[in-house]
Amino acid sequence: MNRIRDVRTRSAVAVGALLAGLVGGAAVGAPSAIAAADPACSRGATIYNKVTNPTSYKYIPYAASNTSNCWLDRGMSNSAVTALQKNLNACYGYKLATDGVYGDLTESALITVQKRVGVTADGDYGRNTRSAMVWANYSLETGSRINCT
């Protein structure tokens, strides 16, 4: 009788671990409820401001649907993440690898910046974080950073 109970207990533990892994895995890469209405950022885009500063550009995360109202979070890997990492380095003093992988260090840096700029510090990048952050302006002529605004 004890042997049957031991087998059942081990089976229940294994099933529980499997379910926990599946449920936990489903949460990775999913946007917050607020960001769910926006598409995922999928590329870094060079944005030119022909009116206020026609000699510079910003490199920011963008979605395939041509909007900067998009989201990024842990586990993603693309040029939009590279754009975020580059800006965290240029304007906030981090030394992140600009490898396009949204891992522990990128998430930690973003949480610190979110606290600094006064938005929800959850490590998820979305329209509120984008609007609150300053972004680097780069020279069209040299490619060097001019300032962060």
C-alpha atoms as a PDB file:
ATOM      1  CA  MET A   1       0.000   0.000   0.000  1.00  0.00           C
ATOM      2  CA  ASN A   2       2.846   2.413   0.834  1.00  0.00           C
ATOM      3  CA  ARG A   3       4.501   1.609  -2.508  1.00  0.00           C
ATOM      4  CA  ILE A   4       1.330   2.604  -4.422  1.00  0.00           C
ATOM      5  CA  ARG A   5       1.059   5.810  -2.395  1.00  0.00           C
ATOM      6  CA  ASP A   6       4.747   6.618  -3.133  1.00  0.00           C
ATOM      7  CA  VAL A   7       4.212   6.090  -6.871  1.00  0.00           C
ATOM      8  CA  ARG A   8       1.090   8.284  -6.829  1.00  0.00           C
ATOM      9  CA  THR A   9       2.892  10.994  -4.861  1.00  0.00           C
ATOM     10  CA  ARG A  10       5.827  10.999  -7.300  1.00  0.00           C
ATOM     11  CA  SER A  11       3.430  11.093 -10.243  1.00  0.00           C
ATOM     12  CA  ALA A  12       1.520  14.011  -8.747  1.00  0.00           C
ATOM     13  CA  VAL A  13       4.768  15.913  -8.119  1.00  0.00           C
ATOM     14  CA  ALA A  14       5.917  15.270 -11.702  1.00  0.00           C
ATOM     15  CA  VAL A  15       2.592  16.438 -13.149  1.00  0.00           C
ATOM     16  CA  GLY A  16       2.664  19.523 -10.913  1.00  0.00           C
ATOM     17  CA  ALA A  17       6.195  20.376 -12.027  1.00  0.00           C
ATOM     18  CA  LEU A  18       5.214  19.926 -15.663  1.00  0.00           C
ATOM     19  CA  LEU A  19       2.180  22.188 -15.289  1.00  0.00           C
ATOM     20  CA  ALA A  20       4.193  24.817 -13.424  1.00  0.00           C
ATOM     21  CA  GLY A  21       6.744  24.805 -16.244  1.00  0.00           C
ATOM     22  CA  LEU A  22       4.069  25.141 -18.894  1.00  0.00           C
ATOM     23  CA  VAL A  23       2.229  27.937 -17.103  1.00  0.00           C
ATOM     24  CA  GLY A  24       5.450  29.763 -16.264  1.00  0.00           C
ATOM     25  CA  GLY A  25       6.700  29.396 -19.839  1.00  0.00           C
ATOM     26  CA  ALA A  26       3.508  30.880 -21.230  1.00  0.00           C
ATOM     27  CA  ALA A  27       4.158  34.110 -19.367  1.00  0.00           C
ATOM     28  CA  VAL A  28       7.585  34.660 -20.946  1.00  0.00           C
ATOM     29  CA  GLY A  29       7.377  37.073 -23.860  1.00  0.00           C
ATOM     30  CA  ALA A  30       3.759  38.029 -23.207  1.00  0.00           C
ATOM     31  CA  PRO A  31       2.994  41.738 -22.976  1.00  0.00           C
ATOM     32  CA  SER A  32       1.424  43.362 -19.954  1.00  0.00           C
ATOM     33  CA  ALA A  33      -2.316  44.032 -20.161  1.00  0.00           C
ATOM     34  CA  ILE A  34      -1.638  47.681 -20.963  1.00  0.00           C
ATOM     35  CA  ALA A  35       0.716  46.824 -23.831  1.00  0.00           C
ATOM     36  CA  ALA A  36      -1.517  44.073 -25.239  1.00  0.00           C
ATOM     37  CA  ALA A  37      -3.280  46.555 -27.531  1.00  0.00           C
ATOM     38  CA  ASP A  38       0.060  47.498 -29.134  1.00  0.00           C
ATOM     39  CA  PRO A  39       2.103  45.241 -31.428  1.00  0.00           C
ATOM     40  CA  ALA A  40       5.478  43.841 -30.420  1.00  0.00           C
ATOM     41  CA  CYS A  41       8.471  45.961 -31.382  1.00  0.00           C
ATOM     42  CA  SER A  42      10.239  44.074 -34.130  1.00  0.00           C
ATOM     43  CA  ARG A  43      12.922  46.402 -35.480  1.00  0.00           C
ATOM     44  CA  GLY A  44      15.043  49.384 -34.691  1.00  0.00           C
ATOM     45  CA  ALA A  45      14.066  52.401 -36.772  1.00  0.00           C
ATOM     46  CA  THR A  46      15.980  55.525 -37.635  1.00  0.00           C
ATOM     47  CA  ILE A  47      13.670  58.483 -37.101  1.00  0.00           C
ATOM     48  CA  TYR A  48      14.569  61.800 -38.703  1.00  0.00           C
ATOM     49  CA  ASN A  49      13.194  65.062 -37.349  1.00  0.00           C
ATOM     50  CA  LYS A  50      13.178  67.252 -40.436  1.00  0.00           C
ATOM     51  CA  VAL A  51      11.472  70.145 -38.657  1.00  0.00           C
ATOM     52  CA  THR A  52      13.248  70.819 -35.355  1.00  0.00           C
ATOM     53  CA  ASN A  53      16.669  69.319 -36.137  1.00  0.00           C
ATOM     54  CA  PRO A  54      17.131  68.275 -39.766  1.00  0.00           C
ATOM     55  CA  THR A  55      20.751  67.226 -39.184  1.00  0.00           C
ATOM     56  CA  SER A  56      20.075  64.469 -36.645  1.00  0.00           C
ATOM     57  CA  TYR A  57      18.164  61.244 -36.101  1.00  0.00           C
ATOM     58  CA  LYS A  58      17.028  58.968 -33.274  1.00  0.00           C
ATOM     59  CA  TYR A  59      17.268  55.157 -33.303  1.00  0.00           C
ATOM     60  CA  ILE A  60      14.228  53.730 -31.479  1.00  0.00           C
ATOM     61  CA  PRO A  61      12.249  50.470 -31.195  1.00  0.00           C
ATOM     62  CA  TYR A  62       9.524  50.210 -33.831  1.00  0.00           C
ATOM     63  CA  ALA A  63       6.861  47.705 -34.847  1.00  0.00           C
ATOM     64  CA  ALA A  64       6.407  46.228 -38.318  1.00  0.00           C
ATOM     65  CA  SER A  65       3.121  48.149 -38.499  1.00  0.00           C
ATOM     66  CA  ASN A  66       5.161  51.400 -38.571  1.00  0.00           C
ATOM     67  CA  THR A  67       4.492  52.612 -35.041  1.00  0.00           C
ATOM     68  CA  SER A  68       6.683  53.295 -32.022  1.00  0.00           C
ATOM     69  CA  ASN A  69       3.739  52.376 -29.768  1.00  0.00           C
ATOM     70  CA  CYS A  70       4.974  48.851 -29.281  1.00  0.00           C
ATOM     71  CA  TRP A  71       6.272  46.611 -26.513  1.00  0.00           C
ATOM     72  CA  LEU A  72       9.390  44.633 -25.631  1.00  0.00           C
ATOM     73  CA  ASP A  73      10.038  42.317 -22.754  1.00  0.00           C
ATOM     74  CA  ARG A  74      12.342  39.646 -21.465  1.00  0.00           C
ATOM     75  CA  GLY A  75      13.178  36.817 -23.843  1.00  0.00           C
ATOM     76  CA  MET A  76      12.783  38.834 -27.031  1.00  0.00           C
ATOM     77  CA  SER A  77      15.629  39.116 -29.523  1.00  0.00           C
ATOM     78  CA  ASN A  78      15.653  41.554 -32.448  1.00  0.00           C
ATOM     79  CA  SER A  79      16.966  44.920 -33.636  1.00  0.00           C
ATOM     80  CA  ALA A  80      14.311  46.749 -31.568  1.00  0.00           C
ATOM     81  CA  VAL A  81      16.009  45.393 -28.444  1.00  0.00           C
ATOM     82  CA  THR A  82      19.332  46.603 -29.864  1.00  0.00           C
ATOM     83  CA  ALA A  83      17.837  50.097 -30.245  1.00  0.00           C
ATOM     84  CA  LEU A  84      16.696  50.046 -26.599  1.00  0.00           C
ATOM     85  CA  GLN A  85      20.087  48.786 -25.392  1.00  0.00           C
ATOM     86  CA  LYS A  86      21.914  51.419 -27.432  1.00  0.00           C
ATOM     87  CA  ASN A  87      19.785  54.151 -25.884  1.00  0.00           C
ATOM     88  CA  LEU A  88      20.179  52.832 -22.339  1.00  0.00           C
ATOM     89  CA  ASN A  89      23.937  53.017 -22.916  1.00  0.00           C
ATOM     90  CA  ALA A  90      23.984  56.424 -24.626  1.00  0.00           C
ATOM     91  CA  CYS A  91      21.579  58.324 -22.382  1.00  0.00           C
ATOM     92  CA  TYR A  92      21.607  56.489 -19.069  1.00  0.00           C
ATOM     93  CA  GLY A  93      25.250  55.419 -18.764  1.00  0.00           C
ATOM     94  CA  TYR A  94      24.891  51.649 -19.001  1.00  0.00           C
ATOM     95  CA  LYS A  95      27.448  49.417 -20.696  1.00  0.00           C
ATOM     96  CA  LEU A  96      25.089  46.778 -22.030  1.00  0.00           C
ATOM     97  CA  ALA A  97      26.113  44.572 -24.915  1.00  0.00           C
ATOM     98  CA  THR A  98      24.090  45.769 -27.899  1.00  0.00           C
ATOM     99  CA  ASP A  99      23.387  42.182 -28.890  1.00  0.00           C
ATOM    100  CA  GLY A 100      19.633  42.486 -29.380  1.00  0.00           C
ATOM    101  CA  VAL A 101      18.852  39.990 -26.596  1.00  0.00           C
ATOM    102  CA  TYR A 102      16.442  41.171 -23.880  1.00  0.00           C
ATOM    103  CA  GLY A 103      17.961  39.345 -20.922  1.00  0.00           C
ATOM    104  CA  ASP A 104      18.636  39.938 -17.242  1.00  0.00           C
ATOM    105  CA  LEU A 105      20.925  42.947 -17.658  1.00  0.00           C
ATOM    106  CA  THR A 106      18.662  44.772 -20.111  1.00  0.00           C
ATOM    107  CA  GLU A 107      15.645  44.148 -17.888  1.00  0.00           C
ATOM    108  CA  SER A 108      17.508  45.319 -14.771  1.00  0.00           C
ATOM    109  CA  ALA A 109      18.724  48.489 -16.518  1.00  0.00           C
ATOM    110  CA  LEU A 110      15.231  49.259 -17.781  1.00  0.00           C
ATOM    111  CA  ILE A 111      13.696  48.788 -14.318  1.00  0.00           C
ATOM    112  CA  THR A 112      16.191  51.284 -12.892  1.00  0.00           C
ATOM    113  CA  VAL A 113      15.425  53.772 -15.678  1.00  0.00           C
ATOM    114  CA  GLN A 114      11.673  53.271 -15.211  1.00  0.00           C
ATOM    115  CA  LYS A 115      12.036  54.147 -11.533  1.00  0.00           C
ATOM    116  CA  ARG A 116      14.114  57.186 -12.461  1.00  0.00           C
ATOM    117  CA  VAL A 117      11.592  58.526 -14.992  1.00  0.00           C
ATOM    118  CA  GLY A 118       8.539  57.782 -12.841  1.00  0.00           C
ATOM    119  CA  VAL A 119       6.722  54.990 -14.690  1.00  0.00           C
ATOM    120  CA  THR A 120       5.763  51.515 -13.509  1.00  0.00           C
ATOM    121  CA  ALA A 121       9.042  49.700 -12.874  1.00  0.00           C
ATOM    122  CA  ASP A 122       8.134  46.283 -14.261  1.00  0.00           C
ATOM    123  CA  GLY A 123      10.948  45.761 -16.775  1.00  0.00           C
ATOM    124  CA  ASP A 124       8.527  45.779 -19.707  1.00  0.00           C
ATOM    125  CA  TYR A 125       9.116  48.392 -22.395  1.00  0.00           C
ATOM    126  CA  GLY A 126       5.985  50.022 -23.813  1.00  0.00           C
ATOM    127  CA  ARG A 127       4.527  53.359 -24.841  1.00  0.00           C
ATOM    128  CA  ASN A 128       4.626  54.860 -21.307  1.00  0.00           C
ATOM    129  CA  THR A 129       8.289  53.978 -20.862  1.00  0.00           C
ATOM    130  CA  ARG A 130       9.146  55.205 -24.376  1.00  0.00           C
ATOM    131  CA  SER A 131       7.434  58.545 -23.749  1.00  0.00           C
ATOM    132  CA  ALA A 132       9.115  59.072 -20.365  1.00  0.00           C
ATOM    133  CA  MET A 133      12.646  58.184 -21.484  1.00  0.00           C
ATOM    134  CA  VAL A 134      15.050  60.572 -23.166  1.00  0.00           C
ATOM    135  CA  TRP A 135      16.445  59.397 -26.496  1.00  0.00           C
ATOM    136  CA  ALA A 136      19.822  60.002 -28.090  1.00  0.00           C
ATOM    137  CA  ASN A 137      20.090  62.307 -31.085  1.00  0.00           C
ATOM    138  CA  TYR A 138      22.801  61.251 -33.543  1.00  0.00           C
ATOM    139  CA  SER A 139      24.483  63.388 -36.186  1.00  0.00           C
ATOM    140  CA  LEU A 140      23.539  62.541 -39.780  1.00  0.00           C
ATOM    141  CA  GLU A 141      27.008  63.602 -40.851  1.00  0.00           C
ATOM    142  CA  THR A 142      29.184  61.729 -38.336  1.00  0.00           C
ATOM    143  CA  GLY A 143      26.862  59.255 -36.605  1.00  0.00           C
ATOM    144  CA  SER A 144      28.100  60.449 -33.211  1.00  0.00           C
ATOM    145  CA  ARG A 145      25.734  61.205 -30.359  1.00  0.00           C
ATOM    146  CA  ILE A 146      24.821  64.868 -30.088  1.00  0.00           C
ATOM    147  CA  ASN A 147      22.644  64.816 -26.964  1.00  0.00           C
ATOM    148  CA  CYS A 148      19.752  63.063 -25.241  1.00  0.00           C
ATOM    149  CA  THR A 149      16.336  64.715 -25.300  1.00  0.00           C
END
